[in-house]
Amino acid sequence: MAYKISAECTACGSCKPECPVEAINEGDPIYTIDADKCIDCGACAAVCPVEAISEG
């Protein structure tokens, strides 16, 4: 199941460079994860400073 970004996202950008499959996109107002690209590695969740990313 793909990871998801909650409304707690502050759009800091920490997660985007960590994604090995480029599934994270800048959104308005929060970042989003493309579920079709996500490989469930958890790299994004590990670096999120506000714990806004969870398995989903």
PDB file of N, CA and C in Angstrom:
ATOM      1  N   MET A   1       0.841  -1.182   0.000  1.00  0.00           N
ATOM      2  CA  MET A   1       0.000   0.000   0.000  1.00  0.00           C
ATOM      3  C   MET A   1       0.886   1.246   0.000  1.00  0.00           C
ATOM      4  N   ALA A   2       0.560   2.183  -0.812  1.00  0.00           N
ATOM      5  CA  ALA A   2       1.369   3.391  -0.963  1.00  0.00           C
ATOM      6  C   ALA A   2       1.329   4.274   0.286  1.00  0.00           C
ATOM      7  N   TYR A   3       2.400   5.020   0.472  1.00  0.00           N
ATOM      8  CA  TYR A   3       2.452   5.985   1.560  1.00  0.00           C
ATOM      9  C   TYR A   3       1.592   7.190   1.202  1.00  0.00           C
ATOM     10  N   LYS A   4       1.127   7.894   2.239  1.00  0.00           N
ATOM     11  CA  LYS A   4       0.297   9.078   2.035  1.00  0.00           C
ATOM     12  C   LYS A   4       0.818  10.227   2.884  1.00  0.00           C
ATOM     13  N   ILE A   5       0.577  11.439   2.430  1.00  0.00           N
ATOM     14  CA  ILE A   5       0.984  12.636   3.153  1.00  0.00           C
ATOM     15  C   ILE A   5      -0.272  13.295   3.707  1.00  0.00           C
ATOM     16  N   SER A   6      -0.267  13.541   5.021  1.00  0.00           N
ATOM     17  CA  SER A   6      -1.443  14.118   5.677  1.00  0.00           C
ATOM     18  C   SER A   6      -1.413  15.642   5.645  1.00  0.00           C
ATOM     19  N   ALA A   7      -2.471  16.232   6.153  1.00  0.00           N
ATOM     20  CA  ALA A   7      -2.605  17.689   6.196  1.00  0.00           C
ATOM     21  C   ALA A   7      -1.567  18.347   7.101  1.00  0.00           C
ATOM     22  N   GLU A   8      -0.878  17.552   7.926  1.00  0.00           N
ATOM     23  CA  GLU A   8       0.171  18.112   8.778  1.00  0.00           C
ATOM     24  C   GLU A   8       1.418  18.518   7.983  1.00  0.00           C
ATOM     25  N   CYS A   9       1.470  18.158   6.717  1.00  0.00           N
ATOM     26  CA  CYS A   9       2.607  18.496   5.845  1.00  0.00           C
ATOM     27  C   CYS A   9       2.838  20.006   5.837  1.00  0.00           C
ATOM     28  N   THR A  10       4.104  20.389   6.016  1.00  0.00           N
ATOM     29  CA  THR A  10       4.469  21.808   5.988  1.00  0.00           C
ATOM     30  C   THR A  10       5.130  22.198   4.664  1.00  0.00           C
ATOM     31  N   ALA A  11       5.146  21.282   3.710  1.00  0.00           N
ATOM     32  CA  ALA A  11       5.752  21.501   2.391  1.00  0.00           C
ATOM     33  C   ALA A  11       7.205  21.946   2.493  1.00  0.00           C
ATOM     34  N   CYS A  12       7.940  21.321   3.417  1.00  0.00           N
ATOM     35  CA  CYS A  12       9.342  21.693   3.624  1.00  0.00           C
ATOM     36  C   CYS A  12      10.255  21.164   2.519  1.00  0.00           C
ATOM     37  N   GLY A  13       9.825  20.090   1.842  1.00  0.00           N
ATOM     38  CA  GLY A  13      10.620  19.548   0.753  1.00  0.00           C
ATOM     39  C   GLY A  13      11.606  18.468   1.149  1.00  0.00           C
ATOM     40  N   SER A  14      11.669  18.102   2.409  1.00  0.00           N
ATOM     41  CA  SER A  14      12.629  17.085   2.870  1.00  0.00           C
ATOM     42  C   SER A  14      12.421  15.730   2.211  1.00  0.00           C
ATOM     43  N   CYS A  15      11.186  15.377   1.943  1.00  0.00           N
ATOM     44  CA  CYS A  15      10.875  14.045   1.429  1.00  0.00           C
ATOM     45  C   CYS A  15      11.196  13.854  -0.047  1.00  0.00           C
ATOM     46  N   LYS A  16      10.974  14.879  -0.827  1.00  0.00           N
ATOM     47  CA  LYS A  16      11.072  14.748  -2.288  1.00  0.00           C
ATOM     48  C   LYS A  16      12.411  14.175  -2.772  1.00  0.00           C
ATOM     49  N   PRO A  17      13.564  14.669  -2.319  1.00  0.00           N
ATOM     50  CA  PRO A  17      14.822  14.107  -2.817  1.00  0.00           C
ATOM     51  C   PRO A  17      15.106  12.689  -2.309  1.00  0.00           C
ATOM     52  N   GLU A  18      14.401  12.246  -1.293  1.00  0.00           N
ATOM     53  CA  GLU A  18      14.616  10.908  -0.744  1.00  0.00           C
ATOM     54  C   GLU A  18      13.925   9.812  -1.538  1.00  0.00           C
ATOM     55  N   CYS A  19      12.936  10.169  -2.341  1.00  0.00           N
ATOM     56  CA  CYS A  19      12.156   9.172  -3.067  1.00  0.00           C
ATOM     57  C   CYS A  19      12.939   8.618  -4.260  1.00  0.00           C
ATOM     58  N   PRO A  20      13.220   7.297  -4.245  1.00  0.00           N
ATOM     59  CA  PRO A  20      14.014   6.714  -5.337  1.00  0.00           C
ATOM     60  C   PRO A  20      13.267   6.572  -6.654  1.00  0.00           C
ATOM     61  N   VAL A  21      11.931   6.712  -6.620  1.00  0.00           N
ATOM     62  CA  VAL A  21      11.140   6.561  -7.843  1.00  0.00           C
ATOM     63  C   VAL A  21      10.421   7.843  -8.247  1.00  0.00           C
ATOM     64  N   GLU A  22      10.786   8.953  -7.613  1.00  0.00           N
ATOM     65  CA  GLU A  22      10.226  10.269  -7.922  1.00  0.00           C
ATOM     66  C   GLU A  22       8.692  10.278  -7.879  1.00  0.00           C
ATOM     67  N   ALA A  23       8.131   9.683  -6.813  1.00  0.00           N
ATOM     68  CA  ALA A  23       6.681   9.608  -6.663  1.00  0.00           C
ATOM     69  C   ALA A  23       6.103  10.809  -5.920  1.00  0.00           C
ATOM     70  N   ILE A  24       6.965  11.670  -5.372  1.00  0.00           N
ATOM     71  CA  ILE A  24       6.490  12.803  -4.582  1.00  0.00           C
ATOM     72  C   ILE A  24       6.472  14.071  -5.424  1.00  0.00           C
ATOM     73  N   ASN A  25       5.335  14.759  -5.357  1.00  0.00           N
ATOM     74  CA  ASN A  25       5.154  15.985  -6.136  1.00  0.00           C
ATOM     75  C   ASN A  25       4.779  17.140  -5.222  1.00  0.00           C
ATOM     76  N   GLU A  26       5.229  18.328  -5.604  1.00  0.00           N
ATOM     77  CA  GLU A  26       4.829  19.520  -4.869  1.00  0.00           C
ATOM     78  C   GLU A  26       3.357  19.760  -5.140  1.00  0.00           C
ATOM     79  N   GLY A  27       2.614  20.000  -4.078  1.00  0.00           N
ATOM     80  CA  GLY A  27       1.194  20.264  -4.235  1.00  0.00           C
ATOM     81  C   GLY A  27       0.852  21.628  -3.681  1.00  0.00           C
ATOM     82  N   ASP A  28      -0.403  21.930  -3.672  1.00  0.00           N
ATOM     83  CA  ASP A  28      -0.850  23.211  -3.137  1.00  0.00           C
ATOM     84  C   ASP A  28      -2.018  22.940  -2.200  1.00  0.00           C
ATOM     85  N   PRO A  29      -1.832  22.953  -0.912  1.00  0.00           N
ATOM     86  CA  PRO A  29      -0.680  23.490  -0.183  1.00  0.00           C
ATOM     87  C   PRO A  29       0.310  22.432   0.291  1.00  0.00           C
ATOM     88  N   ILE A  30      -0.029  21.122   0.168  1.00  0.00           N
ATOM     89  CA  ILE A  30       0.884  20.094   0.673  1.00  0.00           C
ATOM     90  C   ILE A  30       1.409  19.217  -0.463  1.00  0.00           C
ATOM     91  N   TYR A  31       2.482  18.491  -0.164  1.00  0.00           N
ATOM     92  CA  TYR A  31       3.043  17.569  -1.141  1.00  0.00           C
ATOM     93  C   TYR A  31       2.130  16.354  -1.287  1.00  0.00           C
ATOM     94  N   THR A  32       2.237  15.667  -2.404  1.00  0.00           N
ATOM     95  CA  THR A  32       1.427  14.477  -2.645  1.00  0.00           C
ATOM     96  C   THR A  32       2.324  13.335  -3.103  1.00  0.00           C
ATOM     97  N   ILE A  33       1.836  12.122  -2.909  1.00  0.00           N
ATOM     98  CA  ILE A  33       2.560  10.928  -3.355  1.00  0.00           C
ATOM     99  C   ILE A  33       1.719  10.224  -4.405  1.00  0.00           C
ATOM    100  N   ASP A  34       2.322   9.940  -5.545  1.00  0.00           N
ATOM    101  CA  ASP A  34       1.657   9.213  -6.622  1.00  0.00           C
ATOM    102  C   ASP A  34       1.633   7.731  -6.229  1.00  0.00           C
ATOM    103  N   ALA A  35       0.462   7.227  -5.881  1.00  0.00           N
ATOM    104  CA  ALA A  35       0.321   5.851  -5.410  1.00  0.00           C
ATOM    105  C   ALA A  35       0.758   4.829  -6.461  1.00  0.00           C
ATOM    106  N   ASP A  36       0.638   5.161  -7.727  1.00  0.00           N
ATOM    107  CA  ASP A  36       1.035   4.234  -8.786  1.00  0.00           C
ATOM    108  C   ASP A  36       2.548   4.091  -8.898  1.00  0.00           C
ATOM    109  N   LYS A  37       3.284   5.109  -8.476  1.00  0.00           N
ATOM    110  CA  LYS A  37       4.747   5.071  -8.533  1.00  0.00           C
ATOM    111  C   LYS A  37       5.372   4.599  -7.225  1.00  0.00           C
ATOM    112  N   CYS A  38       4.702   4.836  -6.092  1.00  0.00           N
ATOM    113  CA  CYS A  38       5.246   4.541  -4.768  1.00  0.00           C
ATOM    114  C   CYS A  38       5.573   3.051  -4.629  1.00  0.00           C
ATOM    115  N   ILE A  39       6.781   2.753  -4.125  1.00  0.00           N
ATOM    116  CA  ILE A  39       7.206   1.365  -3.939  1.00  0.00           C
ATOM    117  C   ILE A  39       7.239   0.972  -2.465  1.00  0.00           C
ATOM    118  N   ASP A  40       6.637   1.778  -1.608  1.00  0.00           N
ATOM    119  CA  ASP A  40       6.512   1.476  -0.177  1.00  0.00           C
ATOM    120  C   ASP A  40       7.850   1.320   0.545  1.00  0.00           C
ATOM    121  N   CYS A  41       8.853   2.083   0.154  1.00  0.00           N
ATOM    122  CA  CYS A  41      10.165   1.940   0.785  1.00  0.00           C
ATOM    123  C   CYS A  41      10.261   2.660   2.124  1.00  0.00           C
ATOM    124  N   GLY A  42       9.445   3.702   2.323  1.00  0.00           N
ATOM    125  CA  GLY A  42       9.442   4.423   3.593  1.00  0.00           C
ATOM    126  C   GLY A  42      10.516   5.472   3.756  1.00  0.00           C
ATOM    127  N   ALA A  43      11.314   5.707   2.729  1.00  0.00           N
ATOM    128  CA  ALA A  43      12.396   6.691   2.834  1.00  0.00           C
ATOM    129  C   ALA A  43      11.853   8.086   3.129  1.00  0.00           C
ATOM    130  N   CYS A  44      10.720   8.417   2.558  1.00  0.00           N
ATOM    131  CA  CYS A  44      10.121   9.731   2.773  1.00  0.00           C
ATOM    132  C   CYS A  44       9.660   9.897   4.213  1.00  0.00           C
ATOM    133  N   ALA A  45       9.012   8.881   4.754  1.00  0.00           N
ATOM    134  CA  ALA A  45       8.503   8.942   6.123  1.00  0.00           C
ATOM    135  C   ALA A  45       9.634   9.088   7.127  1.00  0.00           C
ATOM    136  N   ALA A  46      10.760   8.472   6.839  1.00  0.00           N
ATOM    137  CA  ALA A  46      11.890   8.514   7.757  1.00  0.00           C
ATOM    138  C   ALA A  46      12.477   9.913   7.919  1.00  0.00           C
ATOM    139  N   VAL A  47      12.333  10.763   6.915  1.00  0.00           N
ATOM    140  CA  VAL A  47      12.935  12.099   6.981  1.00  0.00           C
ATOM    141  C   VAL A  47      11.931  13.215   7.263  1.00  0.00           C
ATOM    142  N   CYS A  48      10.661  12.919   7.330  1.00  0.00           N
ATOM    143  CA  CYS A  48       9.649  13.960   7.543  1.00  0.00           C
ATOM    144  C   CYS A  48       9.750  14.513   8.960  1.00  0.00           C
ATOM    145  N   PRO A  49      10.040  15.807   9.101  1.00  0.00           N
ATOM    146  CA  PRO A  49      10.224  16.390  10.430  1.00  0.00           C
ATOM    147  C   PRO A  49       8.949  16.538  11.247  1.00  0.00           C
ATOM    148  N   VAL A  50       7.795  16.475  10.590  1.00  0.00           N
ATOM    149  CA  VAL A  50       6.525  16.614  11.318  1.00  0.00           C
ATOM    150  C   VAL A  50       5.697  15.322  11.299  1.00  0.00           C
ATOM    151  N   GLU A  51       6.307  14.227  10.859  1.00  0.00           N
ATOM    152  CA  GLU A  51       5.658  12.919  10.802  1.00  0.00           C
ATOM    153  C   GLU A  51       4.321  12.954  10.068  1.00  0.00           C
ATOM    154  N   ALA A  52       4.302  13.653   8.934  1.00  0.00           N
ATOM    155  CA  ALA A  52       3.082  13.794   8.143  1.00  0.00           C
ATOM    156  C   ALA A  52       2.910  12.668   7.120  1.00  0.00           C
ATOM    157  N   ILE A  53       3.893  11.774   7.019  1.00  0.00           N
ATOM    158  CA  ILE A  53       3.828  10.710   6.025  1.00  0.00           C
ATOM    159  C   ILE A  53       3.664   9.369   6.726  1.00  0.00           C
ATOM    160  N   SER A  54       2.666   8.610   6.262  1.00  0.00           N
ATOM    161  CA  SER A  54       2.420   7.304   6.861  1.00  0.00           C
ATOM    162  C   SER A  54       2.025   6.300   5.792  1.00  0.00           C
ATOM    163  N   GLU A  55       2.140   5.031   6.147  1.00  0.00           N
ATOM    164  CA  GLU A  55       1.754   3.974   5.214  1.00  0.00           C
ATOM    165  C   GLU A  55       0.250   3.954   5.134  1.00  0.00           C
ATOM    166  N   GLY A  56      -0.242   3.931   3.916  1.00  0.00           N
ATOM    167  CA  GLY A  56      -1.522   4.067   3.747  1.00  0.00           C
ATOM    168  C   GLY A  56      -2.779   3.720   3.461  1.00  0.00           C
TER     169      GLY A  56
END
